[in-house]
Amino acid sequence: MEDVLDVYELPYNPLKPVVCMDEKPYQLLGESREPLPMRKGSDQKIDSEYVRKGTCSIFVFTEPLGGVRHLDVRNRRTSIDWAEEIKCMVDVHYPDAEKIILVMDNLNTHKISSLYKAFPPAEARRIAKRLEVHYTPKHGSWLNIAEIELNVMTRQCLKRRIDDIETLRSELSSWEAERNSNSAGVEWRFINSQARIKLVSLYPKID
């Protein structure tokens, strides 16, 4: 916990951006009956029954101090999917960064070893050398600012049924562009000095 909180206190440095990463499973849902359109004095009517259209995974990378984020949608969330997303982050979104300080949880696919499953050793090592990884502790995913971004995304963009992955990609792309145009950032205020008081029960007791 203290390691992640130290990262959040670092000053903004575009050559060493702090990027928080997380992913969210998403259920694609279709309508079992055509919704009744909205009319004057009456909301749109949607049937409580729905049709399952499969699942996918939403990947989010957010830079709290830079006010930018990137989202992608994949059919699965395998080691290969994660590795390809990391390569895209390194080579496309932060090609000029000296080092990317990456905060994420300990999901079994979120490992440097996943890069070696996706790419030849030299390429995997090249990507890995661009990263400085900091993991949130077990049961401490609330420390990942990317979770805040996912919650905002869910409230603003996903509070309705979307039945196919291409529509989902289009909707998220529009949401991402608007939020980036507003340079929406996150002001994280919880620091180690507060943690040692508010979460004192988590620390070992020294006689």
N, C-alpha and C. Protein backbone atom coordinates (compact mmCIF):
# COMPACT_ATOMS: atom_id res chain seq x y z
N MET A 1 0.82 -1.20 0.00
CA MET A 1 0.00 0.00 0.00
C MET A 1 0.86 1.26 0.00
N GLU A 2 1.85 1.29 0.90
CA GLU A 2 2.69 2.49 1.00
C GLU A 2 3.49 2.71 -0.28
N ASP A 3 3.87 1.63 -0.94
CA ASP A 3 4.60 1.77 -2.21
C ASP A 3 3.73 2.47 -3.25
N VAL A 4 2.46 2.07 -3.38
CA VAL A 4 1.56 2.69 -4.34
C VAL A 4 1.28 4.13 -3.97
N LEU A 5 1.09 4.42 -2.68
CA LEU A 5 0.82 5.78 -2.25
C LEU A 5 2.02 6.69 -2.51
N ASP A 6 3.23 6.14 -2.38
CA ASP A 6 4.43 6.92 -2.73
C ASP A 6 4.41 7.30 -4.22
N VAL A 7 3.98 6.36 -5.06
CA VAL A 7 3.90 6.62 -6.50
C VAL A 7 2.94 7.77 -6.78
N TYR A 8 1.80 7.80 -6.08
CA TYR A 8 0.81 8.84 -6.32
C TYR A 8 1.25 10.22 -5.85
N GLU A 9 2.29 10.27 -5.03
CA GLU A 9 2.81 11.56 -4.58
C GLU A 9 3.89 12.12 -5.51
N LEU A 10 4.28 11.34 -6.52
CA LEU A 10 5.31 11.82 -7.45
C LEU A 10 4.79 13.01 -8.25
N PRO A 11 5.64 14.01 -8.51
CA PRO A 11 5.22 15.15 -9.35
C PRO A 11 5.04 14.69 -10.79
N TYR A 12 4.24 15.44 -11.53
CA TYR A 12 3.97 15.08 -12.92
C TYR A 12 5.25 15.18 -13.75
N ASN A 13 5.51 14.12 -14.50
CA ASN A 13 6.69 14.08 -15.36
C ASN A 13 6.30 13.36 -16.66
N PRO A 14 6.14 14.10 -17.77
CA PRO A 14 5.70 13.46 -19.01
C PRO A 14 6.67 12.41 -19.53
N LEU A 15 7.93 12.46 -19.10
CA LEU A 15 8.89 11.44 -19.52
C LEU A 15 8.80 10.18 -18.67
N LYS A 16 8.15 10.30 -17.50
CA LYS A 16 7.94 9.14 -16.62
C LYS A 16 6.50 9.17 -16.11
N PRO A 17 5.54 8.98 -17.02
CA PRO A 17 4.13 9.09 -16.63
C PRO A 17 3.71 7.96 -15.70
N VAL A 18 2.83 8.29 -14.76
CA VAL A 18 2.20 7.28 -13.91
C VAL A 18 0.91 6.87 -14.60
N VAL A 19 0.81 5.61 -14.93
CA VAL A 19 -0.37 5.09 -15.64
C VAL A 19 -0.98 3.97 -14.80
N CYS A 20 -2.28 4.05 -14.58
CA CYS A 20 -2.99 3.02 -13.82
C CYS A 20 -3.81 2.18 -14.79
N MET A 21 -3.72 0.87 -14.63
CA MET A 21 -4.38 -0.04 -15.56
C MET A 21 -5.34 -0.97 -14.83
N ASP A 22 -6.49 -1.23 -15.44
CA ASP A 22 -7.43 -2.21 -14.90
C ASP A 22 -8.30 -2.72 -16.04
N GLU A 23 -9.06 -3.74 -15.77
CA GLU A 23 -9.96 -4.28 -16.77
C GLU A 23 -11.28 -4.67 -16.14
N LYS A 24 -12.32 -4.67 -16.96
CA LYS A 24 -13.68 -4.90 -16.46
C LYS A 24 -14.40 -5.87 -17.40
N PRO A 25 -14.93 -6.98 -16.86
CA PRO A 25 -15.76 -7.84 -17.72
C PRO A 25 -17.07 -7.14 -18.04
N TYR A 26 -17.58 -7.39 -19.24
CA TYR A 26 -18.82 -6.73 -19.64
C TYR A 26 -19.72 -7.72 -20.35
N GLN A 27 -20.99 -7.72 -19.95
CA GLN A 27 -21.99 -8.60 -20.55
C GLN A 27 -22.74 -7.86 -21.66
N LEU A 28 -22.64 -8.36 -22.88
CA LEU A 28 -23.39 -7.79 -24.00
C LEU A 28 -24.84 -8.29 -23.92
N LEU A 29 -25.78 -7.35 -23.96
CA LEU A 29 -27.19 -7.69 -23.79
C LEU A 29 -28.04 -7.08 -24.90
N GLY A 30 -28.95 -7.87 -25.44
CA GLY A 30 -29.89 -7.38 -26.43
C GLY A 30 -31.29 -7.34 -25.87
N GLU A 31 -32.19 -6.71 -26.60
CA GLU A 31 -33.58 -6.59 -26.16
C GLU A 31 -34.38 -7.81 -26.62
N SER A 32 -35.19 -8.34 -25.73
CA SER A 32 -36.09 -9.44 -26.10
C SER A 32 -37.33 -8.91 -26.80
N ARG A 33 -37.69 -7.66 -26.51
CA ARG A 33 -38.81 -6.99 -27.16
C ARG A 33 -38.39 -5.57 -27.50
N GLU A 34 -38.92 -5.05 -28.58
CA GLU A 34 -38.58 -3.70 -29.00
C GLU A 34 -39.03 -2.69 -27.94
N PRO A 35 -38.11 -1.82 -27.47
CA PRO A 35 -38.51 -0.82 -26.46
C PRO A 35 -39.57 0.13 -27.02
N LEU A 36 -40.45 0.61 -26.13
CA LEU A 36 -41.43 1.61 -26.53
C LEU A 36 -40.76 2.97 -26.47
N PRO A 37 -40.84 3.76 -27.53
CA PRO A 37 -40.10 5.02 -27.60
C PRO A 37 -40.57 6.03 -26.55
N MET A 38 -39.66 6.94 -26.22
CA MET A 38 -39.98 8.02 -25.30
C MET A 38 -40.99 8.95 -25.95
N ARG A 39 -41.98 9.38 -25.15
CA ARG A 39 -42.99 10.33 -25.63
C ARG A 39 -43.10 11.47 -24.63
N LYS A 40 -43.77 12.51 -25.02
CA LYS A 40 -43.95 13.64 -24.12
C LYS A 40 -44.65 13.19 -22.85
N GLY A 41 -43.98 13.42 -21.72
CA GLY A 41 -44.52 13.03 -20.43
C GLY A 41 -44.31 11.58 -20.08
N SER A 42 -43.57 10.84 -20.89
CA SER A 42 -43.38 9.42 -20.64
C SER A 42 -41.98 8.99 -21.05
N ASP A 43 -41.28 8.28 -20.16
CA ASP A 43 -39.95 7.78 -20.46
C ASP A 43 -40.02 6.62 -21.45
N GLN A 44 -38.87 6.30 -22.02
CA GLN A 44 -38.78 5.10 -22.85
C GLN A 44 -39.05 3.87 -21.98
N LYS A 45 -39.79 2.92 -22.51
CA LYS A 45 -40.14 1.69 -21.78
C LYS A 45 -39.29 0.54 -22.30
N ILE A 46 -38.54 -0.12 -21.37
CA ILE A 46 -37.68 -1.25 -21.72
C ILE A 46 -38.14 -2.47 -20.96
N ASP A 47 -38.30 -3.58 -21.66
CA ASP A 47 -38.74 -4.81 -21.01
C ASP A 47 -37.66 -5.32 -20.06
N SER A 48 -38.10 -5.93 -18.97
CA SER A 48 -37.13 -6.45 -17.98
C SER A 48 -36.38 -7.67 -18.50
N GLU A 49 -36.94 -8.37 -19.48
CA GLU A 49 -36.26 -9.52 -20.06
C GLU A 49 -35.24 -9.03 -21.10
N TYR A 50 -34.18 -9.78 -21.23
CA TYR A 50 -33.14 -9.43 -22.19
C TYR A 50 -32.54 -10.69 -22.79
N VAL A 51 -31.72 -10.51 -23.82
CA VAL A 51 -31.07 -11.62 -24.51
C VAL A 51 -29.57 -11.50 -24.31
N ARG A 52 -28.95 -12.55 -23.81
CA ARG A 52 -27.50 -12.56 -23.61
C ARG A 52 -26.79 -12.70 -24.96
N LYS A 53 -25.84 -11.81 -25.19
CA LYS A 53 -25.12 -11.79 -26.47
C LYS A 53 -23.63 -12.11 -26.30
N GLY A 54 -23.27 -12.62 -25.14
CA GLY A 54 -21.87 -12.97 -24.91
C GLY A 54 -21.19 -11.98 -23.98
N THR A 55 -19.92 -12.22 -23.73
CA THR A 55 -19.16 -11.37 -22.83
C THR A 55 -17.90 -10.87 -23.53
N CYS A 56 -17.31 -9.84 -22.95
CA CYS A 56 -16.05 -9.30 -23.44
C CYS A 56 -15.33 -8.65 -22.26
N SER A 57 -14.21 -8.06 -22.52
CA SER A 57 -13.43 -7.42 -21.45
C SER A 57 -13.02 -6.02 -21.89
N ILE A 58 -13.21 -5.05 -21.00
CA ILE A 58 -12.83 -3.65 -21.27
C ILE A 58 -11.52 -3.36 -20.54
N PHE A 59 -10.50 -2.94 -21.28
CA PHE A 59 -9.21 -2.56 -20.71
C PHE A 59 -9.15 -1.04 -20.61
N VAL A 60 -8.70 -0.54 -19.48
CA VAL A 60 -8.56 0.91 -19.33
C VAL A 60 -7.16 1.24 -18.82
N PHE A 61 -6.56 2.26 -19.44
CA PHE A 61 -5.28 2.82 -19.01
C PHE A 61 -5.52 4.31 -18.76
N THR A 62 -5.28 4.76 -17.54
CA THR A 62 -5.54 6.16 -17.24
C THR A 62 -4.32 6.80 -16.57
N GLU A 63 -4.03 8.01 -17.02
CA GLU A 63 -2.91 8.79 -16.47
C GLU A 63 -3.52 9.91 -15.63
N PRO A 64 -3.61 9.75 -14.31
CA PRO A 64 -4.33 10.69 -13.46
C PRO A 64 -3.86 12.14 -13.57
N LEU A 65 -2.54 12.35 -13.57
CA LEU A 65 -2.02 13.72 -13.61
C LEU A 65 -2.02 14.29 -15.02
N GLY A 66 -1.95 13.45 -16.02
CA GLY A 66 -1.95 13.93 -17.40
C GLY A 66 -3.35 14.18 -17.93
N GLY A 67 -4.37 13.64 -17.25
CA GLY A 67 -5.73 13.86 -17.69
C GLY A 67 -6.09 13.15 -18.98
N VAL A 68 -5.45 12.01 -19.24
CA VAL A 68 -5.76 11.24 -20.45
C VAL A 68 -6.02 9.79 -20.06
N ARG A 69 -6.80 9.13 -20.90
CA ARG A 69 -7.05 7.72 -20.71
C ARG A 69 -7.27 7.06 -22.07
N HIS A 70 -7.07 5.74 -22.10
CA HIS A 70 -7.33 4.98 -23.32
C HIS A 70 -8.07 3.71 -22.94
N LEU A 71 -9.09 3.37 -23.72
CA LEU A 71 -9.86 2.16 -23.49
C LEU A 71 -9.83 1.28 -24.72
N ASP A 72 -9.90 -0.02 -24.49
CA ASP A 72 -10.00 -0.97 -25.59
C ASP A 72 -10.91 -2.11 -25.16
N VAL A 73 -11.51 -2.75 -26.12
CA VAL A 73 -12.42 -3.87 -25.85
C VAL A 73 -11.88 -5.11 -26.54
N ARG A 74 -11.81 -6.20 -25.79
CA ARG A 74 -11.34 -7.47 -26.35
C ARG A 74 -12.34 -8.58 -26.03
N ASN A 75 -12.32 -9.59 -26.87
CA ASN A 75 -13.23 -10.71 -26.65
C ASN A 75 -12.89 -11.48 -25.39
N ARG A 76 -11.61 -11.49 -25.04
CA ARG A 76 -11.16 -12.24 -23.86
C ARG A 76 -10.19 -11.39 -23.06
N ARG A 77 -9.71 -11.96 -21.93
CA ARG A 77 -8.73 -11.25 -21.11
C ARG A 77 -7.57 -12.20 -20.77
N THR A 78 -7.01 -12.84 -21.78
CA THR A 78 -5.92 -13.77 -21.58
C THR A 78 -4.58 -13.04 -21.40
N SER A 79 -3.55 -13.80 -21.11
CA SER A 79 -2.21 -13.24 -21.00
C SER A 79 -1.80 -12.54 -22.30
N ILE A 80 -2.17 -13.14 -23.43
CA ILE A 80 -1.83 -12.56 -24.73
C ILE A 80 -2.53 -11.22 -24.91
N ASP A 81 -3.80 -11.15 -24.53
CA ASP A 81 -4.55 -9.89 -24.65
C ASP A 81 -3.88 -8.80 -23.83
N TRP A 82 -3.53 -9.13 -22.59
CA TRP A 82 -2.87 -8.14 -21.72
C TRP A 82 -1.55 -7.69 -22.34
N ALA A 83 -0.74 -8.65 -22.80
CA ALA A 83 0.56 -8.32 -23.38
C ALA A 83 0.43 -7.40 -24.58
N GLU A 84 -0.55 -7.67 -25.43
CA GLU A 84 -0.75 -6.84 -26.62
C GLU A 84 -1.21 -5.43 -26.24
N GLU A 85 -2.02 -5.32 -25.19
CA GLU A 85 -2.43 -4.00 -24.71
C GLU A 85 -1.25 -3.23 -24.15
N ILE A 86 -0.36 -3.91 -23.44
CA ILE A 86 0.82 -3.26 -22.88
C ILE A 86 1.75 -2.78 -24.00
N LYS A 87 1.93 -3.59 -25.01
CA LYS A 87 2.76 -3.19 -26.15
C LYS A 87 2.19 -1.94 -26.81
N CYS A 88 0.87 -1.90 -26.96
CA CYS A 88 0.21 -0.72 -27.55
C CYS A 88 0.43 0.51 -26.69
N MET A 89 0.31 0.35 -25.38
CA MET A 89 0.55 1.47 -24.47
C MET A 89 1.98 2.01 -24.63
N VAL A 90 2.94 1.09 -24.66
CA VAL A 90 4.35 1.48 -24.74
C VAL A 90 4.69 2.13 -26.08
N ASP A 91 4.27 1.51 -27.18
CA ASP A 91 4.72 1.94 -28.50
C ASP A 91 3.83 2.99 -29.16
N VAL A 92 2.54 3.01 -28.82
CA VAL A 92 1.60 3.92 -29.48
C VAL A 92 1.28 5.13 -28.60
N HIS A 93 0.94 4.89 -27.36
CA HIS A 93 0.46 5.97 -26.50
C HIS A 93 1.59 6.70 -25.75
N TYR A 94 2.69 6.01 -25.49
CA TYR A 94 3.81 6.64 -24.79
C TYR A 94 5.15 6.31 -25.46
N PRO A 95 5.27 6.57 -26.76
CA PRO A 95 6.50 6.18 -27.46
C PRO A 95 7.73 6.95 -27.01
N ASP A 96 7.55 8.15 -26.46
CA ASP A 96 8.70 8.99 -26.09
C ASP A 96 9.02 8.92 -24.59
N ALA A 97 8.26 8.17 -23.84
CA ALA A 97 8.50 8.09 -22.39
C ALA A 97 9.77 7.29 -22.11
N GLU A 98 10.55 7.80 -21.16
CA GLU A 98 11.75 7.06 -20.76
C GLU A 98 11.37 5.82 -19.96
N LYS A 99 10.36 5.95 -19.13
CA LYS A 99 9.89 4.85 -18.30
C LYS A 99 8.42 5.10 -18.00
N ILE A 100 7.62 4.05 -18.08
CA ILE A 100 6.20 4.15 -17.74
C ILE A 100 6.00 3.51 -16.38
N ILE A 101 5.56 4.30 -15.41
CA ILE A 101 5.32 3.78 -14.05
C ILE A 101 3.90 3.22 -14.04
N LEU A 102 3.78 1.91 -14.02
CA LEU A 102 2.50 1.22 -14.20
C LEU A 102 1.98 0.67 -12.89
N VAL A 103 0.77 1.12 -12.52
CA VAL A 103 0.09 0.63 -11.31
C VAL A 103 -1.05 -0.28 -11.74
N MET A 104 -1.11 -1.48 -11.16
CA MET A 104 -2.19 -2.42 -11.50
C MET A 104 -2.32 -3.45 -10.39
N ASP A 105 -3.38 -4.28 -10.49
CA ASP A 105 -3.58 -5.30 -9.47
C ASP A 105 -2.81 -6.57 -9.83
N ASN A 106 -2.92 -7.56 -8.94
CA ASN A 106 -2.15 -8.79 -9.09
C ASN A 106 -2.87 -9.89 -9.86
N LEU A 107 -3.73 -9.54 -10.80
CA LEU A 107 -4.40 -10.55 -11.59
C LEU A 107 -3.36 -11.47 -12.25
N ASN A 108 -3.71 -12.74 -12.38
CA ASN A 108 -2.71 -13.72 -12.83
C ASN A 108 -2.14 -13.43 -14.21
N THR A 109 -2.85 -12.66 -15.04
CA THR A 109 -2.33 -12.34 -16.37
C THR A 109 -1.47 -11.08 -16.37
N HIS A 110 -1.53 -10.31 -15.30
CA HIS A 110 -0.80 -9.03 -15.24
C HIS A 110 0.64 -9.24 -14.80
N LYS A 111 1.38 -10.00 -15.58
CA LYS A 111 2.74 -10.35 -15.22
C LYS A 111 3.68 -10.09 -16.40
N ILE A 112 4.92 -9.75 -16.09
CA ILE A 112 5.92 -9.57 -17.16
C ILE A 112 6.07 -10.85 -17.96
N SER A 113 5.86 -11.99 -17.30
CA SER A 113 5.98 -13.27 -18.01
C SER A 113 4.97 -13.38 -19.15
N SER A 114 3.85 -12.65 -19.06
CA SER A 114 2.86 -12.69 -20.14
C SER A 114 3.42 -12.12 -21.43
N LEU A 115 4.35 -11.16 -21.31
CA LEU A 115 4.97 -10.60 -22.52
C LEU A 115 5.74 -11.68 -23.28
N TYR A 116 6.34 -12.59 -22.54
CA TYR A 116 7.13 -13.66 -23.17
C TYR A 116 6.24 -14.73 -23.80
N LYS A 117 4.97 -14.78 -23.39
CA LYS A 117 4.03 -15.70 -24.02
C LYS A 117 3.53 -15.14 -25.35
N ALA A 118 3.60 -13.82 -25.49
CA ALA A 118 3.05 -13.17 -26.67
C ALA A 118 4.10 -12.81 -27.72
N PHE A 119 5.34 -12.54 -27.28
CA PHE A 119 6.36 -12.01 -28.19
C PHE A 119 7.67 -12.78 -28.04
N PRO A 120 8.54 -12.70 -29.06
CA PRO A 120 9.88 -13.28 -28.94
C PRO A 120 10.62 -12.65 -27.76
N PRO A 121 11.59 -13.37 -27.16
CA PRO A 121 12.26 -12.88 -25.96
C PRO A 121 12.83 -11.46 -26.07
N ALA A 122 13.47 -11.13 -27.18
CA ALA A 122 14.07 -9.80 -27.32
C ALA A 122 13.00 -8.71 -27.30
N GLU A 123 11.88 -8.97 -27.96
CA GLU A 123 10.79 -8.00 -28.00
C GLU A 123 10.13 -7.88 -26.62
N ALA A 124 9.92 -9.01 -25.97
CA ALA A 124 9.33 -8.99 -24.62
C ALA A 124 10.21 -8.21 -23.66
N ARG A 125 11.51 -8.41 -23.76
CA ARG A 125 12.44 -7.71 -22.86
C ARG A 125 12.46 -6.22 -23.16
N ARG A 126 12.37 -5.85 -24.45
CA ARG A 126 12.35 -4.44 -24.82
C ARG A 126 11.16 -3.74 -24.17
N ILE A 127 10.00 -4.37 -24.24
CA ILE A 127 8.80 -3.78 -23.65
C ILE A 127 8.93 -3.72 -22.14
N ALA A 128 9.40 -4.80 -21.53
CA ALA A 128 9.51 -4.87 -20.07
C ALA A 128 10.44 -3.78 -19.53
N LYS A 129 11.51 -3.47 -20.27
CA LYS A 129 12.47 -2.46 -19.81
C LYS A 129 11.87 -1.06 -19.82
N ARG A 130 10.77 -0.87 -20.51
CA ARG A 130 10.11 0.44 -20.53
C ARG A 130 9.18 0.62 -19.33
N LEU A 131 9.00 -0.45 -18.54
CA LEU A 131 8.02 -0.43 -17.46
C LEU A 131 8.66 -0.43 -16.08
N GLU A 132 8.02 0.28 -15.17
CA GLU A 132 8.31 0.18 -13.74
C GLU A 132 6.99 -0.18 -13.06
N VAL A 133 6.85 -1.44 -12.68
CA VAL A 133 5.56 -1.96 -12.24
C VAL A 133 5.41 -1.85 -10.72
N HIS A 134 4.22 -1.38 -10.30
CA HIS A 134 3.85 -1.32 -8.88
C HIS A 134 2.48 -1.99 -8.74
N TYR A 135 2.43 -3.04 -7.92
CA TYR A 135 1.18 -3.77 -7.73
C TYR A 135 0.44 -3.28 -6.50
N THR A 136 -0.89 -3.19 -6.62
CA THR A 136 -1.70 -2.93 -5.43
C THR A 136 -1.70 -4.21 -4.60
N PRO A 137 -1.83 -4.10 -3.27
CA PRO A 137 -1.81 -5.30 -2.42
C PRO A 137 -3.07 -6.14 -2.61
N LYS A 138 -3.01 -7.37 -2.17
CA LYS A 138 -4.16 -8.26 -2.20
C LYS A 138 -5.30 -7.63 -1.41
N HIS A 139 -6.49 -7.66 -1.97
CA HIS A 139 -7.68 -7.03 -1.37
C HIS A 139 -7.53 -5.51 -1.29
N GLY A 140 -6.59 -4.96 -2.04
CA GLY A 140 -6.39 -3.51 -2.01
C GLY A 140 -6.55 -2.87 -3.37
N SER A 141 -7.41 -3.44 -4.21
CA SER A 141 -7.58 -2.89 -5.55
C SER A 141 -8.19 -1.50 -5.54
N TRP A 142 -8.80 -1.10 -4.39
CA TRP A 142 -9.33 0.27 -4.27
C TRP A 142 -8.24 1.32 -4.39
N LEU A 143 -6.98 0.89 -4.24
CA LEU A 143 -5.84 1.81 -4.39
C LEU A 143 -5.52 2.10 -5.86
N ASN A 144 -6.16 1.39 -6.76
CA ASN A 144 -5.89 1.57 -8.18
C ASN A 144 -6.81 2.66 -8.73
N ILE A 145 -6.24 3.78 -9.14
CA ILE A 145 -7.05 4.89 -9.66
C ILE A 145 -7.82 4.48 -10.91
N ALA A 146 -7.36 3.46 -11.62
CA ALA A 146 -8.09 2.99 -12.80
C ALA A 146 -9.49 2.51 -12.43
N GLU A 147 -9.68 2.06 -11.19
CA GLU A 147 -11.02 1.65 -10.76
C GLU A 147 -11.97 2.84 -10.72
N ILE A 148 -11.45 4.01 -10.34
CA ILE A 148 -12.26 5.22 -10.35
C ILE A 148 -12.70 5.53 -11.78
N GLU A 149 -11.77 5.40 -12.71
CA GLU A 149 -12.08 5.66 -14.12
C GLU A 149 -13.13 4.69 -14.64
N LEU A 150 -13.02 3.42 -14.25
CA LEU A 150 -14.01 2.44 -14.68
C LEU A 150 -15.39 2.75 -14.11
N ASN A 151 -15.44 3.23 -12.87
CA ASN A 151 -16.72 3.58 -12.27
C ASN A 151 -17.37 4.76 -12.99
N VAL A 152 -16.55 5.77 -13.33
CA VAL A 152 -17.08 6.92 -14.08
C VAL A 152 -17.58 6.46 -15.45
N MET A 153 -16.80 5.63 -16.11
CA MET A 153 -17.18 5.10 -17.41
C MET A 153 -18.51 4.36 -17.34
N THR A 154 -18.69 3.52 -16.32
CA THR A 154 -19.92 2.75 -16.17
C THR A 154 -21.12 3.66 -15.97
N ARG A 155 -20.97 4.69 -15.13
CA ARG A 155 -22.09 5.60 -14.86
C ARG A 155 -22.44 6.43 -16.09
N GLN A 156 -21.44 6.91 -16.80
CA GLN A 156 -21.68 7.85 -17.89
C GLN A 156 -21.95 7.20 -19.24
N CYS A 157 -21.50 5.96 -19.42
CA CYS A 157 -21.55 5.39 -20.77
C CYS A 157 -22.26 4.03 -20.86
N LEU A 158 -22.30 3.28 -19.77
CA LEU A 158 -22.76 1.90 -19.88
C LEU A 158 -24.05 1.60 -19.12
N LYS A 159 -24.80 2.62 -18.76
CA LYS A 159 -26.03 2.37 -18.01
C LYS A 159 -27.20 2.10 -18.97
N ARG A 160 -26.96 1.23 -19.92
CA ARG A 160 -27.97 0.80 -20.87
C ARG A 160 -27.47 -0.49 -21.51
N ARG A 161 -28.34 -1.14 -22.24
CA ARG A 161 -27.96 -2.40 -22.87
C ARG A 161 -27.27 -2.15 -24.21
N ILE A 162 -26.15 -2.83 -24.39
CA ILE A 162 -25.40 -2.79 -25.66
C ILE A 162 -25.21 -4.23 -26.10
N ASP A 163 -25.58 -4.53 -27.35
CA ASP A 163 -25.67 -5.94 -27.73
C ASP A 163 -24.56 -6.46 -28.63
N ASP A 164 -23.64 -5.60 -29.07
CA ASP A 164 -22.54 -6.13 -29.89
C ASP A 164 -21.26 -5.35 -29.59
N ILE A 165 -20.15 -6.00 -29.83
CA ILE A 165 -18.85 -5.47 -29.41
C ILE A 165 -18.44 -4.24 -30.22
N GLU A 166 -18.85 -4.15 -31.48
CA GLU A 166 -18.48 -2.99 -32.29
C GLU A 166 -19.20 -1.73 -31.81
N THR A 167 -20.46 -1.88 -31.43
CA THR A 167 -21.18 -0.74 -30.86
C THR A 167 -20.55 -0.31 -29.56
N LEU A 168 -20.18 -1.29 -28.74
CA LEU A 168 -19.52 -0.98 -27.48
C LEU A 168 -18.22 -0.22 -27.72
N ARG A 169 -17.41 -0.67 -28.66
CA ARG A 169 -16.16 0.02 -28.98
C ARG A 169 -16.43 1.46 -29.42
N SER A 170 -17.44 1.65 -30.26
CA SER A 170 -17.77 2.98 -30.75
C SER A 170 -18.21 3.90 -29.62
N GLU A 171 -19.06 3.40 -28.75
CA GLU A 171 -19.55 4.21 -27.63
C GLU A 171 -18.42 4.59 -26.69
N LEU A 172 -17.56 3.63 -26.38
CA LEU A 172 -16.44 3.91 -25.47
C LEU A 172 -15.43 4.85 -26.11
N SER A 173 -15.24 4.73 -27.41
CA SER A 173 -14.31 5.63 -28.10
C SER A 173 -14.80 7.07 -28.02
N SER A 174 -16.10 7.27 -28.19
CA SER A 174 -16.67 8.62 -28.09
C SER A 174 -16.55 9.17 -26.68
N TRP A 175 -16.82 8.30 -25.71
CA TRP A 175 -16.70 8.72 -24.30
C TRP A 175 -15.25 9.09 -23.97
N GLU A 176 -14.32 8.26 -24.43
CA GLU A 176 -12.89 8.51 -24.19
C GLU A 176 -12.46 9.84 -24.80
N ALA A 177 -12.87 10.10 -26.04
CA ALA A 177 -12.49 11.34 -26.72
C ALA A 177 -13.01 12.57 -25.99
N GLU A 178 -14.26 12.50 -25.54
CA GLU A 178 -14.83 13.64 -24.83
C GLU A 178 -14.13 13.88 -23.51
N ARG A 179 -13.89 12.80 -22.78
CA ARG A 179 -13.24 12.94 -21.46
C ARG A 179 -11.80 13.42 -21.61
N ASN A 180 -11.11 12.96 -22.64
CA ASN A 180 -9.74 13.42 -22.88
C ASN A 180 -9.73 14.89 -23.31
N SER A 181 -10.72 15.31 -24.09
CA SER A 181 -10.77 16.70 -24.54
C SER A 181 -10.96 17.65 -23.35
N ASN A 182 -11.58 17.14 -22.29
CA ASN A 182 -11.75 17.94 -21.07
C ASN A 182 -10.60 17.78 -20.09
N SER A 183 -9.59 16.97 -20.49
CA SER A 183 -8.42 16.71 -19.62
C SER A 183 -8.84 16.31 -18.21
N ALA A 184 -9.84 15.45 -18.13
CA ALA A 184 -10.36 15.02 -16.82
C ALA A 184 -9.31 14.19 -16.10
N GLY A 185 -8.89 14.66 -14.94
CA GLY A 185 -7.89 13.96 -14.15
C GLY A 185 -8.48 13.48 -12.84
N VAL A 186 -7.62 12.97 -11.98
CA VAL A 186 -8.01 12.51 -10.65
C VAL A 186 -7.07 13.14 -9.63
N GLU A 187 -7.64 13.79 -8.63
CA GLU A 187 -6.83 14.38 -7.57
C GLU A 187 -6.85 13.43 -6.37
N TRP A 188 -5.81 12.63 -6.26
CA TRP A 188 -5.71 11.63 -5.19
C TRP A 188 -5.16 12.30 -3.93
N ARG A 189 -5.88 12.17 -2.81
CA ARG A 189 -5.49 12.89 -1.59
C ARG A 189 -5.07 11.97 -0.44
N PHE A 190 -5.30 10.68 -0.57
CA PHE A 190 -4.98 9.75 0.52
C PHE A 190 -3.49 9.43 0.48
N ILE A 191 -2.75 9.82 1.51
CA ILE A 191 -1.29 9.66 1.53
C ILE A 191 -0.87 8.78 2.71
N ASN A 192 0.41 8.43 2.73
CA ASN A 192 0.90 7.49 3.74
C ASN A 192 0.71 7.98 5.17
N SER A 193 0.91 9.26 5.41
CA SER A 193 0.76 9.76 6.78
C SER A 193 -0.67 9.57 7.28
N GLN A 194 -1.66 9.68 6.37
CA GLN A 194 -3.05 9.42 6.75
C GLN A 194 -3.31 7.93 6.91
N ALA A 195 -2.71 7.13 6.04
CA ALA A 195 -2.92 5.68 6.10
C ALA A 195 -2.45 5.11 7.43
N ARG A 196 -1.35 5.64 7.95
CA ARG A 196 -0.80 5.10 9.19
C ARG A 196 -1.67 5.41 10.40
N ILE A 197 -2.59 6.36 10.22
CA ILE A 197 -3.54 6.68 11.29
C ILE A 197 -4.86 5.97 11.04
N LYS A 198 -5.43 6.13 9.85
CA LYS A 198 -6.76 5.58 9.56
C LYS A 198 -6.74 4.07 9.42
N LEU A 199 -5.63 3.51 8.98
CA LEU A 199 -5.54 2.06 8.77
C LEU A 199 -4.52 1.43 9.72
N VAL A 200 -4.44 1.99 10.91
CA VAL A 200 -3.43 1.52 11.87
C VAL A 200 -3.58 0.04 12.18
N SER A 201 -4.81 -0.48 12.10
CA SER A 201 -5.03 -1.90 12.42
C SER A 201 -4.37 -2.84 11.43
N LEU A 202 -4.01 -2.32 10.24
CA LEU A 202 -3.36 -3.16 9.24
C LEU A 202 -1.86 -3.33 9.48
N TYR A 203 -1.30 -2.45 10.30
CA TYR A 203 0.14 -2.49 10.54
C TYR A 203 0.50 -3.46 11.66
N PRO A 204 1.65 -4.10 11.57
CA PRO A 204 2.09 -4.98 12.67
C PRO A 204 2.28 -4.16 13.95
N LYS A 205 1.95 -4.77 15.04
CA LYS A 205 2.14 -4.12 16.33
C LYS A 205 3.55 -4.44 16.85
N ILE A 206 4.28 -3.39 17.18
CA ILE A 206 5.66 -3.54 17.67
C ILE A 206 5.69 -3.28 19.16
N ASP A 207 6.18 -4.23 19.93
CA ASP A 207 6.25 -4.06 21.40
C ASP A 207 7.42 -3.13 21.77
